[in-house]
Amino acid sequence: MTDLKIIRRERLRQLINEMYGGHQASFAHRIERAPDYISRCLTGNKGIGEELARSIEREFQLPDYWMDRAKSTVEPSMDELQWLHGVEKSVKERMIPEHIRAAINTLIDSAPPRAA
């Protein structure tokens, strides 16, 4: 089994636990998949492909390729990740005034690089 398969399975488990208290059926409903499909993904009987990984990231407003990165010991919570994604999106789409956008860009540029 490749590391990416393991990482994606761990990230899926993390999302279900943190966002749904471990309730797989609620998570499955949110991403429009059958609960048994999610169960097979968690047991390793079914892989989490590129399309599903990107779909989950979009649905939960997570950073691009979040599903592909191993969890760090110093990592924002799901709520913080979603908030940060919203801020980045607003900055990119110029939905906020220029002076605030410039300050946010300065903060983003000075932040440590994301793990690949």
N, C-alpha and C. Protein backbone atom coordinates (compact mmCIF):
# COMPACT_ATOMS: atom_id res chain seq x y z
N MET A 1 0.86 -1.18 0.00
CA MET A 1 0.00 0.00 0.00
C MET A 1 0.90 1.24 0.00
N THR A 2 0.55 2.19 -0.83
CA THR A 2 1.36 3.40 -0.91
C THR A 2 1.08 4.33 0.27
N ASP A 3 2.05 5.18 0.53
CA ASP A 3 1.88 6.17 1.60
C ASP A 3 0.67 7.06 1.35
N LEU A 4 0.44 7.44 0.08
CA LEU A 4 -0.68 8.32 -0.24
C LEU A 4 -2.01 7.67 0.14
N LYS A 5 -2.15 6.39 -0.10
CA LYS A 5 -3.39 5.69 0.27
C LYS A 5 -3.59 5.73 1.78
N ILE A 6 -2.52 5.53 2.51
CA ILE A 6 -2.60 5.56 3.97
C ILE A 6 -2.93 6.97 4.46
N ILE A 7 -2.27 7.96 3.90
CA ILE A 7 -2.51 9.35 4.30
C ILE A 7 -3.95 9.74 4.03
N ARG A 8 -4.45 9.44 2.83
CA ARG A 8 -5.84 9.79 2.51
C ARG A 8 -6.82 9.09 3.44
N ARG A 9 -6.56 7.83 3.77
CA ARG A 9 -7.46 7.10 4.67
C ARG A 9 -7.42 7.74 6.06
N GLU A 10 -6.24 8.13 6.54
CA GLU A 10 -6.13 8.79 7.85
C GLU A 10 -6.83 10.15 7.84
N ARG A 11 -6.70 10.89 6.74
CA ARG A 11 -7.37 12.19 6.64
C ARG A 11 -8.89 12.02 6.62
N LEU A 12 -9.36 10.99 5.92
CA LEU A 12 -10.80 10.71 5.89
C LEU A 12 -11.29 10.41 7.30
N ARG A 13 -10.56 9.58 8.00
CA ARG A 13 -10.93 9.25 9.39
C ARG A 13 -10.92 10.51 10.26
N GLN A 14 -9.93 11.37 10.07
CA GLN A 14 -9.83 12.61 10.83
C GLN A 14 -11.06 13.50 10.59
N LEU A 15 -11.44 13.65 9.33
CA LEU A 15 -12.61 14.47 9.01
C LEU A 15 -13.88 13.93 9.66
N ILE A 16 -14.08 12.63 9.52
CA ILE A 16 -15.28 12.01 10.07
C ILE A 16 -15.31 12.17 11.59
N ASN A 17 -14.18 11.96 12.23
CA ASN A 17 -14.12 12.08 13.69
C ASN A 17 -14.32 13.52 14.16
N GLU A 18 -13.63 14.47 13.52
CA GLU A 18 -13.67 15.86 13.97
C GLU A 18 -14.95 16.59 13.57
N MET A 19 -15.48 16.27 12.39
CA MET A 19 -16.65 17.01 11.91
C MET A 19 -17.97 16.31 12.25
N TYR A 20 -17.93 14.98 12.42
CA TYR A 20 -19.17 14.23 12.61
C TYR A 20 -19.11 13.29 13.81
N GLY A 21 -18.15 13.49 14.69
CA GLY A 21 -18.06 12.66 15.89
C GLY A 21 -17.95 11.18 15.58
N GLY A 22 -17.36 10.84 14.44
CA GLY A 22 -17.17 9.45 14.06
C GLY A 22 -18.35 8.84 13.31
N HIS A 23 -19.41 9.62 13.07
CA HIS A 23 -20.62 9.11 12.43
C HIS A 23 -20.44 9.08 10.90
N GLN A 24 -20.11 7.91 10.39
CA GLN A 24 -19.80 7.75 8.98
C GLN A 24 -20.98 8.05 8.05
N ALA A 25 -22.18 7.67 8.47
CA ALA A 25 -23.35 7.86 7.61
C ALA A 25 -23.62 9.35 7.35
N SER A 26 -23.45 10.18 8.37
CA SER A 26 -23.66 11.62 8.19
C SER A 26 -22.64 12.19 7.23
N PHE A 27 -21.40 11.76 7.37
CA PHE A 27 -20.34 12.21 6.46
C PHE A 27 -20.66 11.75 5.04
N ALA A 28 -21.03 10.49 4.88
CA ALA A 28 -21.36 9.94 3.56
C ALA A 28 -22.48 10.74 2.90
N HIS A 29 -23.48 11.08 3.68
CA HIS A 29 -24.60 11.87 3.16
C HIS A 29 -24.12 13.23 2.65
N ARG A 30 -23.25 13.86 3.42
CA ARG A 30 -22.74 15.19 3.05
C ARG A 30 -21.99 15.17 1.72
N ILE A 31 -21.21 14.11 1.48
CA ILE A 31 -20.44 14.05 0.23
C ILE A 31 -21.15 13.22 -0.85
N GLU A 32 -22.39 12.86 -0.56
CA GLU A 32 -23.24 12.15 -1.53
C GLU A 32 -22.64 10.81 -1.96
N ARG A 33 -22.22 10.04 -0.97
CA ARG A 33 -21.71 8.69 -1.19
C ARG A 33 -22.46 7.75 -0.25
N ALA A 34 -22.48 6.48 -0.59
CA ALA A 34 -23.13 5.48 0.26
C ALA A 34 -22.29 5.24 1.51
N PRO A 35 -22.94 5.06 2.66
CA PRO A 35 -22.18 4.79 3.89
C PRO A 35 -21.25 3.59 3.77
N ASP A 36 -21.67 2.53 3.06
CA ASP A 36 -20.80 1.36 2.94
C ASP A 36 -19.57 1.67 2.10
N TYR A 37 -19.69 2.61 1.18
CA TYR A 37 -18.53 3.04 0.38
C TYR A 37 -17.49 3.70 1.30
N ILE A 38 -17.95 4.57 2.17
CA ILE A 38 -17.05 5.24 3.12
C ILE A 38 -16.43 4.22 4.06
N SER A 39 -17.22 3.26 4.51
CA SER A 39 -16.70 2.21 5.37
C SER A 39 -15.59 1.42 4.68
N ARG A 40 -15.78 1.10 3.41
CA ARG A 40 -14.75 0.38 2.65
C ARG A 40 -13.49 1.23 2.48
N CYS A 41 -13.67 2.54 2.31
CA CYS A 41 -12.50 3.44 2.21
C CYS A 41 -11.71 3.44 3.52
N LEU A 42 -12.42 3.43 4.63
CA LEU A 42 -11.76 3.47 5.94
C LEU A 42 -11.04 2.17 6.29
N THR A 43 -11.56 1.06 5.79
CA THR A 43 -10.92 -0.23 6.07
C THR A 43 -9.80 -0.54 5.10
N GLY A 44 -9.71 0.24 4.03
CA GLY A 44 -8.67 0.00 3.04
C GLY A 44 -9.11 -0.91 1.92
N ASN A 45 -10.37 -1.37 1.95
CA ASN A 45 -10.89 -2.23 0.88
C ASN A 45 -11.19 -1.44 -0.38
N LYS A 46 -11.29 -0.15 -0.25
CA LYS A 46 -11.54 0.75 -1.39
C LYS A 46 -10.59 1.93 -1.24
N GLY A 47 -9.93 2.27 -2.32
CA GLY A 47 -9.01 3.41 -2.28
C GLY A 47 -9.75 4.73 -2.43
N ILE A 48 -9.13 5.78 -1.97
CA ILE A 48 -9.67 7.13 -2.13
C ILE A 48 -8.91 7.75 -3.29
N GLY A 49 -9.58 7.83 -4.42
CA GLY A 49 -8.94 8.32 -5.63
C GLY A 49 -8.81 9.84 -5.66
N GLU A 50 -8.17 10.30 -6.72
CA GLU A 50 -7.93 11.73 -6.92
C GLU A 50 -9.23 12.52 -6.93
N GLU A 51 -10.21 12.05 -7.67
CA GLU A 51 -11.48 12.78 -7.79
C GLU A 51 -12.19 12.91 -6.44
N LEU A 52 -12.25 11.83 -5.68
CA LEU A 52 -12.91 11.88 -4.37
C LEU A 52 -12.14 12.78 -3.41
N ALA A 53 -10.82 12.66 -3.40
CA ALA A 53 -10.01 13.49 -2.50
C ALA A 53 -10.24 14.98 -2.77
N ARG A 54 -10.21 15.38 -4.04
CA ARG A 54 -10.42 16.79 -4.38
C ARG A 54 -11.86 17.22 -4.08
N SER A 55 -12.81 16.33 -4.31
CA SER A 55 -14.22 16.63 -4.02
C SER A 55 -14.43 16.89 -2.52
N ILE A 56 -13.81 16.07 -1.69
CA ILE A 56 -13.91 16.26 -0.23
C ILE A 56 -13.30 17.60 0.17
N GLU A 57 -12.16 17.94 -0.39
CA GLU A 57 -11.51 19.22 -0.07
C GLU A 57 -12.40 20.39 -0.45
N ARG A 58 -13.03 20.32 -1.61
CA ARG A 58 -13.94 21.40 -2.03
C ARG A 58 -15.16 21.48 -1.11
N GLU A 59 -15.75 20.34 -0.82
CA GLU A 59 -16.96 20.30 0.01
C GLU A 59 -16.73 20.89 1.39
N PHE A 60 -15.56 20.63 1.96
CA PHE A 60 -15.27 21.10 3.32
C PHE A 60 -14.38 22.34 3.34
N GLN A 61 -14.18 22.95 2.17
CA GLN A 61 -13.38 24.17 2.03
C GLN A 61 -12.01 24.00 2.68
N LEU A 62 -11.36 22.91 2.35
CA LEU A 62 -10.02 22.63 2.86
C LEU A 62 -9.00 23.08 1.82
N PRO A 63 -7.78 23.33 2.23
CA PRO A 63 -6.74 23.73 1.27
C PRO A 63 -6.54 22.65 0.20
N ASP A 64 -6.12 23.07 -0.97
CA ASP A 64 -5.84 22.13 -2.05
C ASP A 64 -4.84 21.09 -1.58
N TYR A 65 -5.10 19.85 -1.90
CA TYR A 65 -4.25 18.70 -1.60
C TYR A 65 -4.09 18.43 -0.10
N TRP A 66 -5.03 18.92 0.70
CA TRP A 66 -5.02 18.65 2.14
C TRP A 66 -5.11 17.14 2.40
N MET A 67 -5.91 16.45 1.61
CA MET A 67 -6.08 15.01 1.78
C MET A 67 -4.79 14.24 1.51
N ASP A 68 -3.85 14.86 0.81
CA ASP A 68 -2.61 14.17 0.42
C ASP A 68 -1.44 14.44 1.37
N ARG A 69 -1.65 15.29 2.36
CA ARG A 69 -0.57 15.65 3.28
C ARG A 69 -0.79 14.99 4.63
N ALA A 70 0.25 14.36 5.14
CA ALA A 70 0.16 13.74 6.46
C ALA A 70 -0.12 14.80 7.51
N LYS A 71 -0.87 14.42 8.51
CA LYS A 71 -1.20 15.36 9.58
C LYS A 71 0.06 15.76 10.33
N SER A 72 0.19 17.05 10.54
CA SER A 72 1.32 17.61 11.27
C SER A 72 0.97 17.67 12.75
N THR A 73 1.99 17.69 13.59
CA THR A 73 1.74 17.82 15.03
C THR A 73 1.27 19.22 15.37
N VAL A 74 1.61 20.20 14.52
CA VAL A 74 1.17 21.57 14.71
C VAL A 74 0.32 21.93 13.49
N GLU A 75 -0.97 21.72 13.64
CA GLU A 75 -1.86 21.92 12.52
C GLU A 75 -3.13 22.61 13.00
N PRO A 76 -3.65 23.54 12.19
CA PRO A 76 -4.90 24.20 12.59
C PRO A 76 -6.05 23.20 12.67
N SER A 77 -7.06 23.55 13.44
CA SER A 77 -8.26 22.72 13.53
C SER A 77 -9.03 22.82 12.21
N MET A 78 -10.04 21.98 12.05
CA MET A 78 -10.88 22.02 10.84
C MET A 78 -11.53 23.39 10.68
N ASP A 79 -12.05 23.93 11.78
CA ASP A 79 -12.69 25.25 11.72
C ASP A 79 -11.70 26.32 11.27
N GLU A 80 -10.49 26.26 11.81
CA GLU A 80 -9.47 27.24 11.41
C GLU A 80 -9.08 27.08 9.95
N LEU A 81 -8.97 25.83 9.49
CA LEU A 81 -8.63 25.60 8.08
C LEU A 81 -9.70 26.16 7.16
N GLN A 82 -10.96 25.92 7.51
CA GLN A 82 -12.05 26.42 6.68
C GLN A 82 -12.08 27.95 6.69
N TRP A 83 -11.83 28.56 7.83
CA TRP A 83 -11.80 30.01 7.91
C TRP A 83 -10.66 30.57 7.06
N LEU A 84 -9.46 29.96 7.19
CA LEU A 84 -8.32 30.41 6.41
C LEU A 84 -8.57 30.27 4.91
N HIS A 85 -9.19 29.18 4.53
CA HIS A 85 -9.51 28.98 3.11
C HIS A 85 -10.45 30.08 2.62
N GLY A 86 -11.43 30.43 3.43
CA GLY A 86 -12.35 31.50 3.07
C GLY A 86 -11.65 32.84 2.92
N VAL A 87 -10.70 33.13 3.82
CA VAL A 87 -9.94 34.38 3.73
C VAL A 87 -9.11 34.39 2.46
N GLU A 88 -8.40 33.28 2.18
CA GLU A 88 -7.58 33.21 0.97
C GLU A 88 -8.43 33.39 -0.28
N LYS A 89 -9.62 32.78 -0.29
CA LYS A 89 -10.52 32.90 -1.43
C LYS A 89 -10.97 34.35 -1.60
N SER A 90 -11.31 34.99 -0.49
CA SER A 90 -11.74 36.39 -0.56
C SER A 90 -10.64 37.29 -1.08
N VAL A 91 -9.41 37.02 -0.65
CA VAL A 91 -8.27 37.81 -1.11
C VAL A 91 -8.10 37.62 -2.61
N LYS A 92 -8.12 36.37 -3.06
CA LYS A 92 -7.93 36.08 -4.48
C LYS A 92 -9.03 36.68 -5.33
N GLU A 93 -10.25 36.67 -4.84
CA GLU A 93 -11.38 37.17 -5.62
C GLU A 93 -11.63 38.66 -5.42
N ARG A 94 -10.74 39.31 -4.68
CA ARG A 94 -10.83 40.76 -4.45
C ARG A 94 -12.18 41.18 -3.86
N MET A 95 -12.63 40.40 -2.89
CA MET A 95 -13.91 40.67 -2.24
C MET A 95 -13.75 41.58 -1.03
N ILE A 96 -12.53 42.01 -0.75
CA ILE A 96 -12.29 42.88 0.39
C ILE A 96 -11.49 44.10 -0.07
N PRO A 97 -11.53 45.18 0.69
CA PRO A 97 -10.82 46.39 0.28
C PRO A 97 -9.32 46.16 0.09
N GLU A 98 -8.74 46.94 -0.80
CA GLU A 98 -7.33 46.79 -1.18
C GLU A 98 -6.38 46.86 0.01
N HIS A 99 -6.57 47.81 0.94
CA HIS A 99 -5.62 47.94 2.05
C HIS A 99 -5.66 46.72 2.98
N ILE A 100 -6.83 46.13 3.15
CA ILE A 100 -6.94 44.92 3.98
C ILE A 100 -6.34 43.74 3.22
N ARG A 101 -6.61 43.66 1.93
CA ARG A 101 -6.05 42.59 1.09
C ARG A 101 -4.52 42.63 1.14
N ALA A 102 -3.93 43.83 1.06
CA ALA A 102 -2.47 43.97 1.11
C ALA A 102 -1.92 43.47 2.45
N ALA A 103 -2.60 43.80 3.54
CA ALA A 103 -2.15 43.36 4.86
C ALA A 103 -2.24 41.84 4.98
N ILE A 104 -3.31 41.25 4.48
CA ILE A 104 -3.47 39.80 4.52
C ILE A 104 -2.41 39.12 3.66
N ASN A 105 -2.16 39.67 2.48
CA ASN A 105 -1.13 39.09 1.61
C ASN A 105 0.24 39.13 2.28
N THR A 106 0.51 40.18 3.02
CA THR A 106 1.78 40.29 3.74
C THR A 106 1.88 39.18 4.77
N LEU A 107 0.79 38.95 5.50
CA LEU A 107 0.77 37.88 6.51
C LEU A 107 0.92 36.50 5.86
N ILE A 108 0.21 36.27 4.77
CA ILE A 108 0.30 34.98 4.07
C ILE A 108 1.72 34.77 3.55
N ASP A 109 2.30 35.80 2.98
CA ASP A 109 3.66 35.67 2.43
C ASP A 109 4.71 35.42 3.51
N SER A 110 4.46 35.91 4.72
CA SER A 110 5.44 35.74 5.80
C SER A 110 5.23 34.44 6.59
N ALA A 111 4.14 33.72 6.29
CA ALA A 111 3.87 32.47 6.99
C ALA A 111 4.83 31.39 6.54
N PRO A 112 5.11 30.42 7.41
CA PRO A 112 5.99 29.32 7.00
C PRO A 112 5.34 28.56 5.84
N PRO A 113 6.14 28.00 4.95
CA PRO A 113 5.57 27.27 3.81
C PRO A 113 4.78 26.05 4.27
N ARG A 114 3.75 25.72 3.48
CA ARG A 114 2.96 24.52 3.77
C ARG A 114 3.75 23.29 3.42
N ALA A 115 3.50 22.25 4.19
CA ALA A 115 4.16 20.97 3.88
C ALA A 115 3.58 20.43 2.59
N ALA A 116 4.44 19.88 1.77
CA ALA A 116 3.98 19.32 0.49
C ALA A 116 3.42 17.95 0.66
